[in-house]
Amino acid sequence: MNALSEEPPAMDAELSDAIGPYFSRGHSPYPRVDRRAAGATARKRTPEVLVREIESLVAEMNSIPVDWTEVGYERGCRYVIDSMARRHPELTGAAMKTLGWNFSYVNR
């Protein structure tokens, strides 16, 4: 919630809608980066800006520290996904699920 207005942050449909195509969700059995497909979904942003924003989210997700030996794979992935969901309430559930799909695949 916004501390000043008590309203939840607005969903970022454009960014959320580009995350699935970026990872080839629905077209590949594993996450596969497709910058062109993500850029093709651009409406208000340029394709390049949209792709950079997705890559920034991925970098942020990968920078969250996890002690894999202590928490294990499943709990570690869940911790990172939940952390990102709290940090980015503007993303849809489907977008977060896709980011989590990529994160869990990369860290398997």
PDB file of N, CA and C in Angstrom:
ATOM      1  N   MET A   1       0.829  -1.179   0.000  1.00  0.00           N
ATOM      2  CA  MET A   1       0.000   0.000   0.000  1.00  0.00           C
ATOM      3  C   MET A   1       0.876   1.246   0.000  1.00  0.00           C
ATOM      4  N   ASN A   2       0.403   2.239  -0.679  1.00  0.00           N
ATOM      5  CA  ASN A   2       1.062   3.527  -0.702  1.00  0.00           C
ATOM      6  C   ASN A   2       0.832   4.202   0.647  1.00  0.00           C
ATOM      7  N   ALA A   3       1.892   4.600   1.317  1.00  0.00           N
ATOM      8  CA  ALA A   3       1.781   5.168   2.661  1.00  0.00           C
ATOM      9  C   ALA A   3       0.971   6.459   2.685  1.00  0.00           C
ATOM     10  N   LEU A   4       0.939   7.184   1.593  1.00  0.00           N
ATOM     11  CA  LEU A   4       0.212   8.448   1.568  1.00  0.00           C
ATOM     12  C   LEU A   4      -1.262   8.273   1.249  1.00  0.00           C
ATOM     13  N   SER A   5      -1.589   7.338   0.385  1.00  0.00           N
ATOM     14  CA  SER A   5      -2.973   7.249  -0.077  1.00  0.00           C
ATOM     15  C   SER A   5      -3.711   6.000   0.374  1.00  0.00           C
ATOM     16  N   GLU A   6      -3.014   5.040   0.921  1.00  0.00           N
ATOM     17  CA  GLU A   6      -3.618   3.777   1.343  1.00  0.00           C
ATOM     18  C   GLU A   6      -4.211   2.981   0.180  1.00  0.00           C
ATOM     19  N   GLU A   7      -3.863   3.357  -1.051  1.00  0.00           N
ATOM     20  CA  GLU A   7      -4.324   2.608  -2.216  1.00  0.00           C
ATOM     21  C   GLU A   7      -3.237   1.635  -2.633  1.00  0.00           C
ATOM     22  N   PRO A   8      -3.628   0.450  -3.078  1.00  0.00           N
ATOM     23  CA  PRO A   8      -2.616  -0.482  -3.570  1.00  0.00           C
ATOM     24  C   PRO A   8      -1.974   0.081  -4.835  1.00  0.00           C
ATOM     25  N   PRO A   9      -0.719  -0.290  -5.105  1.00  0.00           N
ATOM     26  CA  PRO A   9      -0.069   0.207  -6.313  1.00  0.00           C
ATOM     27  C   PRO A   9      -0.805  -0.300  -7.555  1.00  0.00           C
ATOM     28  N   ALA A  10      -0.776   0.486  -8.589  1.00  0.00           N
ATOM     29  CA  ALA A  10      -1.428   0.095  -9.837  1.00  0.00           C
ATOM     30  C   ALA A  10      -0.666  -1.054 -10.484  1.00  0.00           C
ATOM     31  N   MET A  11      -1.408  -1.960 -11.086  1.00  0.00           N
ATOM     32  CA  MET A  11      -0.785  -3.053 -11.823  1.00  0.00           C
ATOM     33  C   MET A  11      -0.084  -2.486 -13.049  1.00  0.00           C
ATOM     34  N   ASP A  12       1.041  -3.047 -13.368  1.00  0.00           N
ATOM     35  CA  ASP A  12       1.763  -2.671 -14.577  1.00  0.00           C
ATOM     36  C   ASP A  12       1.503  -3.767 -15.599  1.00  0.00           C
ATOM     37  N   ALA A  13       0.386  -3.630 -16.297  1.00  0.00           N
ATOM     38  CA  ALA A  13      -0.035  -4.664 -17.244  1.00  0.00           C
ATOM     39  C   ALA A  13       0.968  -4.831 -18.374  1.00  0.00           C
ATOM     40  N   GLU A  14       1.532  -3.741 -18.849  1.00  0.00           N
ATOM     41  CA  GLU A  14       2.473  -3.838 -19.970  1.00  0.00           C
ATOM     42  C   GLU A  14       3.699  -4.661 -19.584  1.00  0.00           C
ATOM     43  N   LEU A  15       4.290  -4.352 -18.447  1.00  0.00           N
ATOM     44  CA  LEU A  15       5.456  -5.102 -17.987  1.00  0.00           C
ATOM     45  C   LEU A  15       5.071  -6.543 -17.677  1.00  0.00           C
ATOM     46  N   SER A  16       3.978  -6.733 -16.969  1.00  0.00           N
ATOM     47  CA  SER A  16       3.528  -8.084 -16.618  1.00  0.00           C
ATOM     48  C   SER A  16       3.276  -8.929 -17.861  1.00  0.00           C
ATOM     49  N   ASP A  17       2.630  -8.331 -18.863  1.00  0.00           N
ATOM     50  CA  ASP A  17       2.297  -9.068 -20.086  1.00  0.00           C
ATOM     51  C   ASP A  17       3.524  -9.440 -20.904  1.00  0.00           C
ATOM     52  N   ALA A  18       4.622  -8.726 -20.743  1.00  0.00           N
ATOM     53  CA  ALA A  18       5.833  -9.001 -21.520  1.00  0.00           C
ATOM     54  C   ALA A  18       6.695 -10.099 -20.911  1.00  0.00           C
ATOM     55  N   ILE A  19       6.504 -10.395 -19.640  1.00  0.00           N
ATOM     56  CA  ILE A  19       7.373 -11.361 -18.961  1.00  0.00           C
ATOM     57  C   ILE A  19       7.183 -12.773 -19.509  1.00  0.00           C
ATOM     58  N   GLY A  20       5.958 -13.190 -19.768  1.00  0.00           N
ATOM     59  CA  GLY A  20       5.723 -14.519 -20.339  1.00  0.00           C
ATOM     60  C   GLY A  20       6.422 -14.702 -21.675  1.00  0.00           C
ATOM     61  N   PRO A  21       6.196 -13.811 -22.649  1.00  0.00           N
ATOM     62  CA  PRO A  21       6.893 -13.934 -23.932  1.00  0.00           C
ATOM     63  C   PRO A  21       8.416 -13.852 -23.801  1.00  0.00           C
ATOM     64  N   TYR A  22       8.910 -13.053 -22.864  1.00  0.00           N
ATOM     65  CA  TYR A  22      10.356 -12.936 -22.677  1.00  0.00           C
ATOM     66  C   TYR A  22      10.973 -14.305 -22.379  1.00  0.00           C
ATOM     67  N   PHE A  23      10.270 -15.101 -21.585  1.00  0.00           N
ATOM     68  CA  PHE A  23      10.778 -16.428 -21.220  1.00  0.00           C
ATOM     69  C   PHE A  23      10.185 -17.551 -22.065  1.00  0.00           C
ATOM     70  N   SER A  24       9.510 -17.213 -23.152  1.00  0.00           N
ATOM     71  CA  SER A  24       8.898 -18.197 -24.056  1.00  0.00           C
ATOM     72  C   SER A  24       7.879 -19.069 -23.341  1.00  0.00           C
ATOM     73  N   ARG A  25       7.214 -18.519 -22.330  1.00  0.00           N
ATOM     74  CA  ARG A  25       6.201 -19.263 -21.570  1.00  0.00           C
ATOM     75  C   ARG A  25       5.090 -19.699 -22.515  1.00  0.00           C
ATOM     76  N   GLY A  26       4.761 -20.984 -22.491  1.00  0.00           N
ATOM     77  CA  GLY A  26       3.735 -21.524 -23.369  1.00  0.00           C
ATOM     78  C   GLY A  26       4.280 -21.998 -24.706  1.00  0.00           C
ATOM     79  N   HIS A  27       5.551 -21.704 -24.977  1.00  0.00           N
ATOM     80  CA  HIS A  27       6.165 -22.107 -26.243  1.00  0.00           C
ATOM     81  C   HIS A  27       7.395 -22.983 -26.045  1.00  0.00           C
ATOM     82  N   SER A  28       7.834 -23.119 -24.827  1.00  0.00           N
ATOM     83  CA  SER A  28       9.033 -23.891 -24.532  1.00  0.00           C
ATOM     84  C   SER A  28       8.826 -24.629 -23.205  1.00  0.00           C
ATOM     85  N   PRO A  29       9.348 -25.853 -23.099  1.00  0.00           N
ATOM     86  CA  PRO A  29       9.192 -26.593 -21.839  1.00  0.00           C
ATOM     87  C   PRO A  29      10.091 -26.054 -20.722  1.00  0.00           C
ATOM     88  N   TYR A  30      10.992 -25.162 -21.053  1.00  0.00           N
ATOM     89  CA  TYR A  30      11.878 -24.548 -20.074  1.00  0.00           C
ATOM     90  C   TYR A  30      12.029 -23.067 -20.440  1.00  0.00           C
ATOM     91  N   PRO A  31      12.411 -22.221 -19.496  1.00  0.00           N
ATOM     92  CA  PRO A  31      12.557 -20.797 -19.797  1.00  0.00           C
ATOM     93  C   PRO A  31      13.641 -20.573 -20.856  1.00  0.00           C
ATOM     94  N   ARG A  32      13.271 -19.862 -21.888  1.00  0.00           N
ATOM     95  CA  ARG A  32      14.195 -19.542 -22.979  1.00  0.00           C
ATOM     96  C   ARG A  32      13.964 -18.078 -23.336  1.00  0.00           C
ATOM     97  N   VAL A  33      14.989 -17.266 -23.211  1.00  0.00           N
ATOM     98  CA  VAL A  33      14.858 -15.821 -23.428  1.00  0.00           C
ATOM     99  C   VAL A  33      14.545 -15.524 -24.890  1.00  0.00           C
ATOM    100  N   ASP A  34      13.510 -14.701 -25.078  1.00  0.00           N
ATOM    101  CA  ASP A  34      13.122 -14.233 -26.409  1.00  0.00           C
ATOM    102  C   ASP A  34      12.832 -12.733 -26.300  1.00  0.00           C
ATOM    103  N   ARG A  35      13.881 -11.941 -26.445  1.00  0.00           N
ATOM    104  CA  ARG A  35      13.749 -10.487 -26.315  1.00  0.00           C
ATOM    105  C   ARG A  35      12.808  -9.904 -27.365  1.00  0.00           C
ATOM    106  N   ARG A  36      12.863 -10.455 -28.559  1.00  0.00           N
ATOM    107  CA  ARG A  36      12.007  -9.949 -29.635  1.00  0.00           C
ATOM    108  C   ARG A  36      10.530 -10.139 -29.298  1.00  0.00           C
ATOM    109  N   ALA A  37      10.173 -11.310 -28.780  1.00  0.00           N
ATOM    110  CA  ALA A  37       8.770 -11.574 -28.418  1.00  0.00           C
ATOM    111  C   ALA A  37       8.315 -10.638 -27.306  1.00  0.00           C
ATOM    112  N   ALA A  38       9.175 -10.410 -26.331  1.00  0.00           N
ATOM    113  CA  ALA A  38       8.817  -9.487 -25.245  1.00  0.00           C
ATOM    114  C   ALA A  38       8.661  -8.071 -25.781  1.00  0.00           C
ATOM    115  N   GLY A  39       9.595  -7.642 -26.607  1.00  0.00           N
ATOM    116  CA  GLY A  39       9.537  -6.302 -27.173  1.00  0.00           C
ATOM    117  C   GLY A  39       8.308  -6.078 -28.029  1.00  0.00           C
ATOM    118  N   ALA A  40       7.835  -7.134 -28.669  1.00  0.00           N
ATOM    119  CA  ALA A  40       6.653  -7.025 -29.529  1.00  0.00           C
ATOM    120  C   ALA A  40       5.389  -6.714 -28.733  1.00  0.00           C
ATOM    121  N   THR A  41       5.420  -6.915 -27.427  1.00  0.00           N
ATOM    122  CA  THR A  41       4.246  -6.630 -26.595  1.00  0.00           C
ATOM    123  C   THR A  41       4.208  -5.173 -26.135  1.00  0.00           C
ATOM    124  N   ALA A  42       5.254  -4.413 -26.441  1.00  0.00           N
ATOM    125  CA  ALA A  42       5.356  -3.022 -25.970  1.00  0.00           C
ATOM    126  C   ALA A  42       4.186  -2.184 -26.467  1.00  0.00           C
ATOM    127  N   ARG A  43       3.664  -1.373 -25.566  1.00  0.00           N
ATOM    128  CA  ARG A  43       2.567  -0.464 -25.911  1.00  0.00           C
ATOM    129  C   ARG A  43       2.959   0.984 -25.615  1.00  0.00           C
ATOM    130  N   LYS A  44       3.315   1.280 -24.382  1.00  0.00           N
ATOM    131  CA  LYS A  44       3.703   2.649 -24.005  1.00  0.00           C
ATOM    132  C   LYS A  44       5.219   2.816 -23.969  1.00  0.00           C
ATOM    133  N   ARG A  45       5.926   1.761 -23.597  1.00  0.00           N
ATOM    134  CA  ARG A  45       7.383   1.798 -23.554  1.00  0.00           C
ATOM    135  C   ARG A  45       7.924   1.404 -24.930  1.00  0.00           C
ATOM    136  N   THR A  46       9.189   1.725 -25.150  1.00  0.00           N
ATOM    137  CA  THR A  46       9.837   1.178 -26.342  1.00  0.00           C
ATOM    138  C   THR A  46      10.166  -0.282 -26.051  1.00  0.00           C
ATOM    139  N   PRO A  47      10.311  -1.114 -27.085  1.00  0.00           N
ATOM    140  CA  PRO A  47      10.683  -2.511 -26.843  1.00  0.00           C
ATOM    141  C   PRO A  47      11.979  -2.637 -26.044  1.00  0.00           C
ATOM    142  N   GLU A  48      12.936  -1.780 -26.323  1.00  0.00           N
ATOM    143  CA  GLU A  48      14.226  -1.852 -25.630  1.00  0.00           C
ATOM    144  C   GLU A  48      14.078  -1.547 -24.141  1.00  0.00           C
ATOM    145  N   VAL A  49      13.289  -0.557 -23.821  1.00  0.00           N
ATOM    146  CA  VAL A  49      13.069  -0.206 -22.408  1.00  0.00           C
ATOM    147  C   VAL A  49      12.348  -1.340 -21.694  1.00  0.00           C
ATOM    148  N   LEU A  50      11.356  -1.903 -22.338  1.00  0.00           N
ATOM    149  CA  LEU A  50      10.594  -2.997 -21.735  1.00  0.00           C
ATOM    150  C   LEU A  50      11.500  -4.191 -21.439  1.00  0.00           C
ATOM    151  N   VAL A  51      12.336  -4.559 -22.389  1.00  0.00           N
ATOM    152  CA  VAL A  51      13.256  -5.685 -22.192  1.00  0.00           C
ATOM    153  C   VAL A  51      14.251  -5.367 -21.078  1.00  0.00           C
ATOM    154  N   ARG A  52      14.760  -4.152 -21.045  1.00  0.00           N
ATOM    155  CA  ARG A  52      15.694  -3.771 -19.964  1.00  0.00           C
ATOM    156  C   ARG A  52      15.030  -3.871 -18.597  1.00  0.00           C
ATOM    157  N   GLU A  53      13.770  -3.486 -18.505  1.00  0.00           N
ATOM    158  CA  GLU A  53      13.061  -3.580 -17.222  1.00  0.00           C
ATOM    159  C   GLU A  53      12.906  -5.035 -16.787  1.00  0.00           C
ATOM    160  N   ILE A  54      12.611  -5.920 -17.720  1.00  0.00           N
ATOM    161  CA  ILE A  54      12.507  -7.347 -17.388  1.00  0.00           C
ATOM    162  C   ILE A  54      13.861  -7.861 -16.927  1.00  0.00           C
ATOM    163  N   GLU A  55      14.907  -7.516 -17.652  1.00  0.00           N
ATOM    164  CA  GLU A  55      16.240  -7.988 -17.286  1.00  0.00           C
ATOM    165  C   GLU A  55      16.680  -7.420 -15.938  1.00  0.00           C
ATOM    166  N   SER A  56      16.219  -6.232 -15.606  1.00  0.00           N
ATOM    167  CA  SER A  56      16.497  -5.664 -14.289  1.00  0.00           C
ATOM    168  C   SER A  56      15.793  -6.464 -13.189  1.00  0.00           C
ATOM    169  N   LEU A  57      14.558  -6.879 -13.451  1.00  0.00           N
ATOM    170  CA  LEU A  57      13.837  -7.723 -12.485  1.00  0.00           C
ATOM    171  C   LEU A  57      14.565  -9.049 -12.277  1.00  0.00           C
ATOM    172  N   VAL A  58      15.035  -9.645 -13.368  1.00  0.00           N
ATOM    173  CA  VAL A  58      15.756 -10.921 -13.277  1.00  0.00           C
ATOM    174  C   VAL A  58      17.040 -10.733 -12.467  1.00  0.00           C
ATOM    175  N   ALA A  59      17.770  -9.655 -12.738  1.00  0.00           N
ATOM    176  CA  ALA A  59      19.004  -9.387 -11.991  1.00  0.00           C
ATOM    177  C   ALA A  59      18.706  -9.168 -10.508  1.00  0.00           C
ATOM    178  N   GLU A  60      17.643  -8.435 -10.229  1.00  0.00           N
ATOM    179  CA  GLU A  60      17.257  -8.205  -8.833  1.00  0.00           C
ATOM    180  C   GLU A  60      16.929  -9.527  -8.145  1.00  0.00           C
ATOM    181  N   MET A  61      16.182 -10.358  -8.829  1.00  0.00           N
ATOM    182  CA  MET A  61      15.787 -11.654  -8.264  1.00  0.00           C
ATOM    183  C   MET A  61      17.026 -12.499  -7.977  1.00  0.00           C
ATOM    184  N   ASN A  62      17.967 -12.498  -8.918  1.00  0.00           N
ATOM    185  CA  ASN A  62      19.177 -13.298  -8.756  1.00  0.00           C
ATOM    186  C   ASN A  62      20.118 -12.738  -7.699  1.00  0.00           C
ATOM    187  N   SER A  63      19.910 -11.484  -7.293  1.00  0.00           N
ATOM    188  CA  SER A  63      20.791 -10.880  -6.290  1.00  0.00           C
ATOM    189  C   SER A  63      20.303 -11.105  -4.855  1.00  0.00           C
ATOM    190  N   ILE A  64      19.121 -11.675  -4.697  1.00  0.00           N
ATOM    191  CA  ILE A  64      18.603 -11.923  -3.348  1.00  0.00           C
ATOM    192  C   ILE A  64      19.406 -13.074  -2.737  1.00  0.00           C
ATOM    193  N   PRO A  65      20.068 -12.836  -1.614  1.00  0.00           N
ATOM    194  CA  PRO A  65      20.912 -13.881  -1.036  1.00  0.00           C
ATOM    195  C   PRO A  65      20.090 -15.036  -0.453  1.00  0.00           C
ATOM    196  N   VAL A  66      20.554 -16.230  -0.757  1.00  0.00           N
ATOM    197  CA  VAL A  66      19.918 -17.449  -0.243  1.00  0.00           C
ATOM    198  C   VAL A  66      21.024 -18.386   0.236  1.00  0.00           C
ATOM    199  N   ASP A  67      20.898 -18.904   1.441  1.00  0.00           N
ATOM    200  CA  ASP A  67      21.820 -19.925   1.934  1.00  0.00           C
ATOM    201  C   ASP A  67      21.213 -21.276   1.564  1.00  0.00           C
ATOM    202  N   TRP A  68      21.532 -21.726   0.359  1.00  0.00           N
ATOM    203  CA  TRP A  68      20.923 -22.944  -0.183  1.00  0.00           C
ATOM    204  C   TRP A  68      21.194 -24.157   0.701  1.00  0.00           C
ATOM    205  N   THR A  69      22.371 -24.219   1.321  1.00  0.00           N
ATOM    206  CA  THR A  69      22.685 -25.391   2.148  1.00  0.00           C
ATOM    207  C   THR A  69      21.823 -25.434   3.400  1.00  0.00           C
ATOM    208  N   GLU A  70      21.412 -24.263   3.878  1.00  0.00           N
ATOM    209  CA  GLU A  70      20.589 -24.226   5.087  1.00  0.00           C
ATOM    210  C   GLU A  70      19.102 -24.415   4.794  1.00  0.00           C
ATOM    211  N   VAL A  71      18.590 -23.753   3.764  1.00  0.00           N
ATOM    212  CA  VAL A  71      17.141 -23.781   3.527  1.00  0.00           C
ATOM    213  C   VAL A  71      16.706 -24.791   2.474  1.00  0.00           C
ATOM    214  N   GLY A  72      17.617 -25.248   1.640  1.00  0.00           N
ATOM    215  CA  GLY A  72      17.257 -26.198   0.595  1.00  0.00           C
ATOM    216  C   GLY A  72      16.666 -25.509  -0.630  1.00  0.00           C
ATOM    217  N   TYR A  73      16.505 -26.286  -1.680  1.00  0.00           N
ATOM    218  CA  TYR A  73      16.074 -25.765  -2.976  1.00  0.00           C
ATOM    219  C   TYR A  73      14.657 -25.188  -2.944  1.00  0.00           C
ATOM    220  N   GLU A  74      13.690 -25.968  -2.499  1.00  0.00           N
ATOM    221  CA  GLU A  74      12.293 -25.514  -2.550  1.00  0.00           C
ATOM    222  C   GLU A  74      12.053 -24.291  -1.672  1.00  0.00           C
ATOM    223  N   ARG A  75      12.528 -24.326  -0.442  1.00  0.00           N
ATOM    224  CA  ARG A  75      12.329 -23.178   0.453  1.00  0.00           C
ATOM    225  C   ARG A  75      13.104 -21.958  -0.026  1.00  0.00           C
ATOM    226  N   GLY A  76      14.281 -22.182  -0.585  1.00  0.00           N
ATOM    227  CA  GLY A  76      15.070 -21.067  -1.119  1.00  0.00           C
ATOM    228  C   GLY A  76      14.372 -20.393  -2.283  1.00  0.00           C
ATOM    229  N   CYS A  77      13.856 -21.191  -3.205  1.00  0.00           N
ATOM    230  CA  CYS A  77      13.115 -20.629  -4.341  1.00  0.00           C
ATOM    231  C   CYS A  77      11.878 -19.890  -3.859  1.00  0.00           C
ATOM    232  N   ARG A  78      11.136 -20.485  -2.952  1.00  0.00           N
ATOM    233  CA  ARG A  78       9.919 -19.856  -2.430  1.00  0.00           C
ATOM    234  C   ARG A  78      10.250 -18.526  -1.748  1.00  0.00           C
ATOM    235  N   TYR A  79      11.341 -18.495  -0.986  1.00  0.00           N
ATOM    236  CA  TYR A  79      11.759 -17.266  -0.308  1.00  0.00           C
ATOM    237  C   TYR A  79      12.012 -16.142  -1.318  1.00  0.00           C
ATOM    238  N   VAL A  80      12.742 -16.457  -2.378  1.00  0.00           N
ATOM    239  CA  VAL A  80      13.073 -15.440  -3.385  1.00  0.00           C
ATOM    240  C   VAL A  80      11.816 -14.983  -4.121  1.00  0.00           C
ATOM    241  N   ILE A  81      10.965 -15.909  -4.509  1.00  0.00           N
ATOM    242  CA  ILE A  81       9.727 -15.563  -5.218  1.00  0.00           C
ATOM    243  C   ILE A  81       8.833 -14.696  -4.332  1.00  0.00           C
ATOM    244  N   ASP A  82       8.675 -15.083  -3.080  1.00  0.00           N
ATOM    245  CA  ASP A  82       7.854 -14.288  -2.152  1.00  0.00           C
ATOM    246  C   ASP A  82       8.452 -12.900  -1.924  1.00  0.00           C
ATOM    247  N   SER A  83       9.777 -12.828  -1.833  1.00  0.00           N
ATOM    248  CA  SER A  83      10.443 -11.532  -1.660  1.00  0.00           C
ATOM    249  C   SER A  83      10.170 -10.623  -2.847  1.00  0.00           C
ATOM    250  N   MET A  84      10.255 -11.170  -4.048  1.00  0.00           N
ATOM    251  CA  MET A  84       9.995 -10.372  -5.248  1.00  0.00           C
ATOM    252  C   MET A  84       8.534  -9.943  -5.325  1.00  0.00           C
ATOM    253  N   ALA A  85       7.635 -10.801  -4.918  1.00  0.00           N
ATOM    254  CA  ALA A  85       6.212 -10.442  -4.945  1.00  0.00           C
ATOM    255  C   ALA A  85       5.937  -9.272  -3.997  1.00  0.00           C
ATOM    256  N   ARG A  86       6.605  -9.264  -2.854  1.00  0.00           N
ATOM    257  CA  ARG A  86       6.444  -8.142  -1.913  1.00  0.00           C
ATOM    258  C   ARG A  86       7.066  -6.863  -2.472  1.00  0.00           C
ATOM    259  N   ARG A  87       8.199  -6.996  -3.121  1.00  0.00           N
ATOM    260  CA  ARG A  87       8.892  -5.831  -3.676  1.00  0.00           C
ATOM    261  C   ARG A  87       8.171  -5.252  -4.895  1.00  0.00           C
ATOM    262  N   HIS A  88       7.458  -6.099  -5.619  1.00  0.00           N
ATOM    263  CA  HIS A  88       6.864  -5.680  -6.893  1.00  0.00           C
ATOM    264  C   HIS A  88       5.379  -6.025  -6.970  1.00  0.00           C
ATOM    265  N   PRO A  89       4.580  -5.367  -6.136  1.00  0.00           N
ATOM    266  CA  PRO A  89       3.135  -5.638  -6.168  1.00  0.00           C
ATOM    267  C   PRO A  89       2.471  -5.169  -7.459  1.00  0.00           C
ATOM    268  N   GLU A  90       3.199  -4.434  -8.283  1.00  0.00           N
ATOM    269  CA  GLU A  90       2.650  -3.984  -9.559  1.00  0.00           C
ATOM    270  C   GLU A  90       2.611  -5.100 -10.605  1.00  0.00           C
ATOM    271  N   LEU A  91       3.261  -6.222 -10.313  1.00  0.00           N
ATOM    272  CA  LEU A  91       3.276  -7.348 -11.251  1.00  0.00           C
ATOM    273  C   LEU A  91       2.122  -8.300 -10.957  1.00  0.00           C
ATOM    274  N   THR A  92       1.574  -8.863 -12.006  1.00  0.00           N
ATOM    275  CA  THR A  92       0.478  -9.822 -11.849  1.00  0.00           C
ATOM    276  C   THR A  92       1.003 -11.141 -11.293  1.00  0.00           C
ATOM    277  N   GLY A  93       0.084 -11.955 -10.802  1.00  0.00           N
ATOM    278  CA  GLY A  93       0.448 -13.284 -10.322  1.00  0.00           C
ATOM    279  C   GLY A  93       1.077 -14.124 -11.416  1.00  0.00           C
ATOM    280  N   ALA A  94       0.556 -14.015 -12.630  1.00  0.00           N
ATOM    281  CA  ALA A  94       1.109 -14.780 -13.755  1.00  0.00           C
ATOM    282  C   ALA A  94       2.544 -14.350 -14.048  1.00  0.00           C
ATOM    283  N   ALA A  95       2.811 -13.061 -13.971  1.00  0.00           N
ATOM    284  CA  ALA A  95       4.170 -12.570 -14.208  1.00  0.00           C
ATOM    285  C   ALA A  95       5.117 -13.083 -13.130  1.00  0.00           C
ATOM    286  N   MET A  96       4.678 -13.039 -11.869  1.00  0.00           N
ATOM    287  CA  MET A  96       5.525 -13.543 -10.781  1.00  0.00           C
ATOM    288  C   MET A  96       5.757 -15.043 -10.921  1.00  0.00           C
ATOM    289  N   LYS A  97       4.730 -15.766 -11.342  1.00  0.00           N
ATOM    290  CA  LYS A  97       4.876 -17.210 -11.533  1.00  0.00           C
ATOM    291  C   LYS A  97       5.923 -17.498 -12.610  1.00  0.00           C
ATOM    292  N   THR A  98       5.913 -16.704 -13.670  1.00  0.00           N
ATOM    293  CA  THR A  98       6.885 -16.901 -14.744  1.00  0.00           C
ATOM    294  C   THR A  98       8.290 -16.539 -14.284  1.00  0.00           C
ATOM    295  N   LEU A  99       8.437 -15.446 -13.548  1.00  0.00           N
ATOM    296  CA  LEU A  99       9.754 -15.115 -12.994  1.00  0.00           C
ATOM    297  C   LEU A  99      10.242 -16.233 -12.074  1.00  0.00           C
ATOM    298  N   GLY A 100       9.344 -16.786 -11.271  1.00  0.00           N
ATOM    299  CA  GLY A 100       9.697 -17.896 -10.390  1.00  0.00           C
ATOM    300  C   GLY A 100      10.071 -19.150 -11.157  1.00  0.00           C
ATOM    301  N   TRP A 101       9.368 -19.401 -12.260  1.00  0.00           N
ATOM    302  CA  TRP A 101       9.670 -20.550 -13.128  1.00  0.00           C
ATOM    303  C   TRP A 101      11.106 -20.437 -13.630  1.00  0.00           C
ATOM    304  N   ASN A 102      11.474 -19.253 -14.098  1.00  0.00           N
ATOM    305  CA  ASN A 102      12.836 -19.049 -14.578  1.00  0.00           C
ATOM    306  C   ASN A 102      13.838 -19.200 -13.440  1.00  0.00           C
ATOM    307  N   PHE A 103      13.562 -18.563 -12.299  1.00  0.00           N
ATOM    308  CA  PHE A 103      14.496 -18.615 -11.177  1.00  0.00           C
ATOM    309  C   PHE A 103      14.726 -20.051 -10.720  1.00  0.00           C
ATOM    310  N   SER A 104      13.663 -20.803 -10.587  1.00  0.00           N
ATOM    311  CA  SER A 104      13.811 -22.186 -10.116  1.00  0.00           C
ATOM    312  C   SER A 104      14.531 -23.045 -11.153  1.00  0.00           C
ATOM    313  N   TYR A 105      14.342 -22.751 -12.428  1.00  0.00           N
ATOM    314  CA  TYR A 105      15.038 -23.512 -13.475  1.00  0.00           C
ATOM    315  C   TYR A 105      16.535 -23.201 -13.451  1.00  0.00           C
ATOM    316  N   VAL A 106      16.870 -21.929 -13.376  1.00  0.00           N
ATOM    317  CA  VAL A 106      18.271 -21.508 -13.393  1.00  0.00           C
ATOM    318  C   VAL A 106      19.020 -22.022 -12.165  1.00  0.00           C
ATOM    319  N   ASN A 107      18.339 -22.135 -11.040  1.00  0.00           N
ATOM    320  CA  ASN A 107      18.989 -22.526  -9.786  1.00  0.00           C
ATOM    321  C   ASN A 107      18.792 -23.993  -9.422  1.00  0.00           C
ATOM    322  N   ARG A 108      18.369 -24.793 -10.346  1.00  0.00           N
ATOM    323  CA  ARG A 108      18.119 -26.212 -10.056  1.00  0.00           C
ATOM    324  C   ARG A 108      19.395 -26.964  -9.771  1.00  0.00           C
TER     325      ARG A 108
END
